[in-house]
Amino acid sequence: MELSSTLFGLAAMAVFVLPIVYLQGIQKRKEKVLFAEFLQLAQEKGLKVTLSEVWNYVYCLGIDTQSKQLIHFKKKGETPEIRVIDLKPFKKCSVSKTVRTVKTNDGPVAIIERLHLTLTPSNTQSKVENIEFYNADESSSITTELPLVAKWEKQINQALQA
């Protein structure tokens, strides 16, 4: 009786755990493929990525600290969007949020619609650059983006000071 209960418990646990492990494996492979494509494109542009990040299986961000170039990669669908930004003309990087307020029974709640880094140029005549980290129109929920955007704000500001 105990053996059959143990076997049944193990089988039931496997039914719940194996699909999760399988899905995580698929997501890790997607992330590796995305990162490999990102590195290939960076290399084609002559960049040596020294710091990089992948998130949401859609975005990659990297910096070439030697040449002070930032590369932002977003792949939604088949065609990737890639931007290379020269950091030399910029003086500051800051986090920017687009927020909407929703009224609930417990009071107003702020919902982040967009999250990005804003690069402010030294010359006021130059264009401000925004680097997207989260867009509510494309992703259902914000997960790791808030600590990630804070980390990259610090990294980019350090690169700007060097």
C-alpha atoms as a PDB file:
ATOM      1  CA  MET A   1       0.000   0.000   0.000  1.00  0.00           C
ATOM      2  CA  GLU A   2       2.763   2.458   0.907  1.00  0.00           C
ATOM      3  CA  LEU A   3       4.686   1.677  -2.264  1.00  0.00           C
ATOM      4  CA  SER A   4       1.670   2.265  -4.470  1.00  0.00           C
ATOM      5  CA  SER A   5       0.904   5.558  -2.678  1.00  0.00           C
ATOM      6  CA  THR A   6       4.499   6.680  -3.121  1.00  0.00           C
ATOM      7  CA  LEU A   7       4.500   5.755  -6.806  1.00  0.00           C
ATOM      8  CA  PHE A   8       1.182   7.510  -7.337  1.00  0.00           C
ATOM      9  CA  GLY A   9       2.525  10.640  -5.567  1.00  0.00           C
ATOM     10  CA  LEU A  10       5.669  10.635  -7.707  1.00  0.00           C
ATOM     11  CA  ALA A  11       3.645  10.177 -10.896  1.00  0.00           C
ATOM     12  CA  ALA A  12       1.268  13.007  -9.935  1.00  0.00           C
ATOM     13  CA  MET A  13       4.207  15.284  -9.137  1.00  0.00           C
ATOM     14  CA  ALA A  14       5.844  14.434 -12.483  1.00  0.00           C
ATOM     15  CA  VAL A  15       2.632  15.338 -14.328  1.00  0.00           C
ATOM     16  CA  PHE A  16       2.784  18.838 -12.809  1.00  0.00           C
ATOM     17  CA  VAL A  17       6.549  19.423 -12.785  1.00  0.00           C
ATOM     18  CA  LEU A  18       7.647  18.045 -16.169  1.00  0.00           C
ATOM     19  CA  PRO A  19       5.639  20.525 -18.297  1.00  0.00           C
ATOM     20  CA  ILE A  20       7.107  23.419 -16.304  1.00  0.00           C
ATOM     21  CA  VAL A  21      10.652  22.107 -16.746  1.00  0.00           C
ATOM     22  CA  TYR A  22       9.970  21.542 -20.450  1.00  0.00           C
ATOM     23  CA  LEU A  23       8.641  25.099 -20.943  1.00  0.00           C
ATOM     24  CA  GLN A  24      11.589  26.597 -19.083  1.00  0.00           C
ATOM     25  CA  GLY A  25      13.940  24.667 -21.353  1.00  0.00           C
ATOM     26  CA  ILE A  26      12.174  26.017 -24.443  1.00  0.00           C
ATOM     27  CA  GLN A  27      12.378  29.562 -23.091  1.00  0.00           C
ATOM     28  CA  LYS A  28      16.091  29.212 -22.296  1.00  0.00           C
ATOM     29  CA  ARG A  29      16.750  27.981 -25.835  1.00  0.00           C
ATOM     30  CA  LYS A  30      14.790  30.934 -27.262  1.00  0.00           C
ATOM     31  CA  GLU A  31      16.852  33.278 -25.103  1.00  0.00           C
ATOM     32  CA  LYS A  32      20.130  31.696 -26.270  1.00  0.00           C
ATOM     33  CA  VAL A  33      19.117  31.958 -29.929  1.00  0.00           C
ATOM     34  CA  LEU A  34      18.075  35.599 -29.458  1.00  0.00           C
ATOM     35  CA  PHE A  35      21.336  36.421 -27.675  1.00  0.00           C
ATOM     36  CA  ALA A  36      23.405  34.689 -30.379  1.00  0.00           C
ATOM     37  CA  GLU A  37      21.601  36.736 -33.066  1.00  0.00           C
ATOM     38  CA  PHE A  38      22.189  39.895 -31.036  1.00  0.00           C
ATOM     39  CA  LEU A  39      25.925  39.184 -30.691  1.00  0.00           C
ATOM     40  CA  GLN A  40      26.189  38.383 -34.415  1.00  0.00           C
ATOM     41  CA  LEU A  41      24.556  41.687 -35.375  1.00  0.00           C
ATOM     42  CA  ALA A  42      26.736  43.589 -32.899  1.00  0.00           C
ATOM     43  CA  GLN A  43      29.837  41.978 -34.359  1.00  0.00           C
ATOM     44  CA  GLU A  44      28.706  42.832 -37.900  1.00  0.00           C
ATOM     45  CA  LYS A  45      28.466  46.465 -36.782  1.00  0.00           C
ATOM     46  CA  GLY A  46      32.038  46.268 -35.447  1.00  0.00           C
ATOM     47  CA  LEU A  47      31.079  46.309 -31.770  1.00  0.00           C
ATOM     48  CA  LYS A  48      32.645  44.315 -28.976  1.00  0.00           C
ATOM     49  CA  VAL A  49      29.855  43.920 -26.433  1.00  0.00           C
ATOM     50  CA  THR A  50      31.349  44.038 -22.929  1.00  0.00           C
ATOM     51  CA  LEU A  51      28.102  44.273 -20.923  1.00  0.00           C
ATOM     52  CA  SER A  52      24.829  42.780 -22.085  1.00  0.00           C
ATOM     53  CA  GLU A  53      21.370  41.725 -21.002  1.00  0.00           C
ATOM     54  CA  VAL A  54      18.476  39.723 -22.449  1.00  0.00           C
ATOM     55  CA  TRP A  55      14.937  39.990 -21.106  1.00  0.00           C
ATOM     56  CA  ASN A  56      11.407  38.915 -21.987  1.00  0.00           C
ATOM     57  CA  TYR A  57      12.737  36.797 -24.870  1.00  0.00           C
ATOM     58  CA  VAL A  58      12.347  39.920 -27.009  1.00  0.00           C
ATOM     59  CA  TYR A  59      14.915  42.523 -25.917  1.00  0.00           C
ATOM     60  CA  CYS A  60      18.714  42.651 -25.784  1.00  0.00           C
ATOM     61  CA  LEU A  61      20.868  45.551 -24.700  1.00  0.00           C
ATOM     62  CA  GLY A  62      24.618  45.751 -24.837  1.00  0.00           C
ATOM     63  CA  ILE A  63      27.376  48.266 -24.510  1.00  0.00           C
ATOM     64  CA  ASP A  64      30.810  48.466 -26.039  1.00  0.00           C
ATOM     65  CA  THR A  65      32.656  50.351 -23.317  1.00  0.00           C
ATOM     66  CA  GLN A  66      35.737  50.917 -25.505  1.00  0.00           C
ATOM     67  CA  SER A  67      33.929  52.745 -28.313  1.00  0.00           C
ATOM     68  CA  LYS A  68      31.097  54.023 -26.074  1.00  0.00           C
ATOM     69  CA  GLN A  69      28.433  52.501 -28.290  1.00  0.00           C
ATOM     70  CA  LEU A  70      25.121  51.158 -27.045  1.00  0.00           C
ATOM     71  CA  ILE A  71      23.244  48.522 -29.003  1.00  0.00           C
ATOM     72  CA  HIS A  72      19.520  47.943 -28.436  1.00  0.00           C
ATOM     73  CA  PHE A  73      17.891  44.942 -30.055  1.00  0.00           C
ATOM     74  CA  LYS A  74      14.202  44.059 -30.128  1.00  0.00           C
ATOM     75  CA  LYS A  75      12.843  41.060 -31.949  1.00  0.00           C
ATOM     76  CA  LYS A  76       9.093  40.867 -32.166  1.00  0.00           C
ATOM     77  CA  GLY A  77       8.221  38.520 -35.016  1.00  0.00           C
ATOM     78  CA  GLU A  78      10.752  37.710 -37.710  1.00  0.00           C
ATOM     79  CA  THR A  79      12.375  41.097 -38.298  1.00  0.00           C
ATOM     80  CA  PRO A  80      14.597  42.473 -35.540  1.00  0.00           C
ATOM     81  CA  GLU A  81      14.804  46.166 -34.732  1.00  0.00           C
ATOM     82  CA  ILE A  82      18.366  47.172 -33.969  1.00  0.00           C
ATOM     83  CA  ARG A  83      19.707  50.538 -32.918  1.00  0.00           C
ATOM     84  CA  VAL A  84      23.293  51.517 -32.332  1.00  0.00           C
ATOM     85  CA  ILE A  85      23.624  54.686 -30.290  1.00  0.00           C
ATOM     86  CA  ASP A  86      26.873  56.583 -29.914  1.00  0.00           C
ATOM     87  CA  LEU A  87      27.016  57.599 -26.255  1.00  0.00           C
ATOM     88  CA  LYS A  88      29.667  60.319 -26.684  1.00  0.00           C
ATOM     89  CA  PRO A  89      27.206  63.189 -27.350  1.00  0.00           C
ATOM     90  CA  PHE A  90      25.142  62.370 -24.252  1.00  0.00           C
ATOM     91  CA  LYS A  91      25.628  63.684 -20.732  1.00  0.00           C
ATOM     92  CA  LYS A  92      23.048  61.757 -18.714  1.00  0.00           C
ATOM     93  CA  CYS A  93      20.860  58.677 -18.648  1.00  0.00           C
ATOM     94  CA  SER A  94      17.652  58.509 -16.616  1.00  0.00           C
ATOM     95  CA  VAL A  95      14.659  56.220 -16.175  1.00  0.00           C
ATOM     96  CA  SER A  96      11.384  57.417 -17.701  1.00  0.00           C
ATOM     97  CA  LYS A  97       7.928  55.956 -17.155  1.00  0.00           C
ATOM     98  CA  THR A  98       4.610  56.523 -18.823  1.00  0.00           C
ATOM     99  CA  VAL A  99       1.977  55.863 -16.178  1.00  0.00           C
ATOM    100  CA  ARG A 100      -1.806  55.879 -16.197  1.00  0.00           C
ATOM    101  CA  THR A 101      -3.928  55.971 -13.066  1.00  0.00           C
ATOM    102  CA  VAL A 102      -6.841  53.604 -12.590  1.00  0.00           C
ATOM    103  CA  LYS A 103      -9.478  54.134  -9.905  1.00  0.00           C
ATOM    104  CA  THR A 104     -10.224  51.072  -7.780  1.00  0.00           C
ATOM    105  CA  ASN A 105     -12.211  50.444  -4.605  1.00  0.00           C
ATOM    106  CA  ASP A 106      -8.966  50.717  -2.644  1.00  0.00           C
ATOM    107  CA  GLY A 107      -8.063  54.042  -4.251  1.00  0.00           C
ATOM    108  CA  PRO A 108      -6.122  55.074  -7.326  1.00  0.00           C
ATOM    109  CA  VAL A 109      -3.513  52.664  -8.703  1.00  0.00           C
ATOM    110  CA  ALA A 110      -0.680  53.697 -11.022  1.00  0.00           C
ATOM    111  CA  ILE A 111      -0.103  51.331 -13.944  1.00  0.00           C
ATOM    112  CA  ILE A 112       3.102  51.532 -15.949  1.00  0.00           C
ATOM    113  CA  GLU A 113       2.347  51.705 -19.667  1.00  0.00           C
ATOM    114  CA  ARG A 114       5.910  52.219 -20.882  1.00  0.00           C
ATOM    115  CA  LEU A 115       9.330  52.060 -19.303  1.00  0.00           C
ATOM    116  CA  HIS A 116      12.458  53.300 -20.973  1.00  0.00           C
ATOM    117  CA  LEU A 117      15.839  54.894 -20.477  1.00  0.00           C
ATOM    118  CA  THR A 118      16.222  58.442 -21.703  1.00  0.00           C
ATOM    119  CA  LEU A 119      19.594  59.643 -22.942  1.00  0.00           C
ATOM    120  CA  THR A 120      19.932  63.403 -22.579  1.00  0.00           C
ATOM    121  CA  PRO A 121      22.371  65.052 -25.006  1.00  0.00           C
ATOM    122  CA  SER A 122      25.026  67.561 -23.928  1.00  0.00           C
ATOM    123  CA  ASN A 123      23.906  69.880 -26.720  1.00  0.00           C
ATOM    124  CA  THR A 124      20.320  71.050 -26.221  1.00  0.00           C
ATOM    125  CA  GLN A 125      19.847  71.183 -30.011  1.00  0.00           C
ATOM    126  CA  SER A 126      20.428  67.403 -30.303  1.00  0.00           C
ATOM    127  CA  LYS A 127      17.753  64.751 -30.137  1.00  0.00           C
ATOM    128  CA  VAL A 128      16.911  62.850 -26.922  1.00  0.00           C
ATOM    129  CA  GLU A 129      17.142  59.055 -27.343  1.00  0.00           C
ATOM    130  CA  ASN A 130      14.769  56.596 -25.652  1.00  0.00           C
ATOM    131  CA  ILE A 131      15.603  52.934 -25.101  1.00  0.00           C
ATOM    132  CA  GLU A 132      12.517  50.789 -24.601  1.00  0.00           C
ATOM    133  CA  PHE A 133      12.463  48.293 -21.733  1.00  0.00           C
ATOM    134  CA  TYR A 134       8.734  47.671 -21.446  1.00  0.00           C
ATOM    135  CA  ASN A 135       5.634  48.438 -23.478  1.00  0.00           C
ATOM    136  CA  ALA A 136       2.220  47.426 -22.112  1.00  0.00           C
ATOM    137  CA  ASP A 137       0.847  47.153 -25.658  1.00  0.00           C
ATOM    138  CA  GLU A 138       3.276  44.294 -26.348  1.00  0.00           C
ATOM    139  CA  SER A 139       3.709  42.596 -22.978  1.00  0.00           C
ATOM    140  CA  SER A 140       1.018  41.621 -20.516  1.00  0.00           C
ATOM    141  CA  SER A 141       2.865  42.339 -17.285  1.00  0.00           C
ATOM    142  CA  ILE A 142       5.962  44.050 -16.008  1.00  0.00           C
ATOM    143  CA  THR A 143       8.270  41.568 -14.281  1.00  0.00           C
ATOM    144  CA  THR A 144      12.043  42.051 -14.160  1.00  0.00           C
ATOM    145  CA  GLU A 145      12.131  45.364 -16.006  1.00  0.00           C
ATOM    146  CA  LEU A 146      12.152  47.769 -13.027  1.00  0.00           C
ATOM    147  CA  PRO A 147      15.379  46.505 -11.413  1.00  0.00           C
ATOM    148  CA  LEU A 148      16.859  45.956 -14.861  1.00  0.00           C
ATOM    149  CA  VAL A 149      16.232  49.518 -16.043  1.00  0.00           C
ATOM    150  CA  ALA A 150      17.762  50.858 -12.787  1.00  0.00           C
ATOM    151  CA  LYS A 151      20.828  48.659 -13.300  1.00  0.00           C
ATOM    152  CA  TRP A 152      21.302  49.881 -16.875  1.00  0.00           C
ATOM    153  CA  GLU A 153      20.770  53.506 -15.900  1.00  0.00           C
ATOM    154  CA  LYS A 154      23.729  53.125 -13.555  1.00  0.00           C
ATOM    155  CA  GLN A 155      25.836  51.223 -16.137  1.00  0.00           C
ATOM    156  CA  ILE A 156      25.242  53.799 -18.864  1.00  0.00           C
ATOM    157  CA  ASN A 157      25.900  56.744 -16.561  1.00  0.00           C
ATOM    158  CA  GLN A 158      29.203  55.127 -15.568  1.00  0.00           C
ATOM    159  CA  ALA A 159      30.086  54.729 -19.246  1.00  0.00           C
ATOM    160  CA  LEU A 160      29.196  58.374 -19.879  1.00  0.00           C
ATOM    161  CA  GLN A 161      31.511  59.501 -17.066  1.00  0.00           C
ATOM    162  CA  ALA A 162      34.471  57.387 -18.252  1.00  0.00           C
END
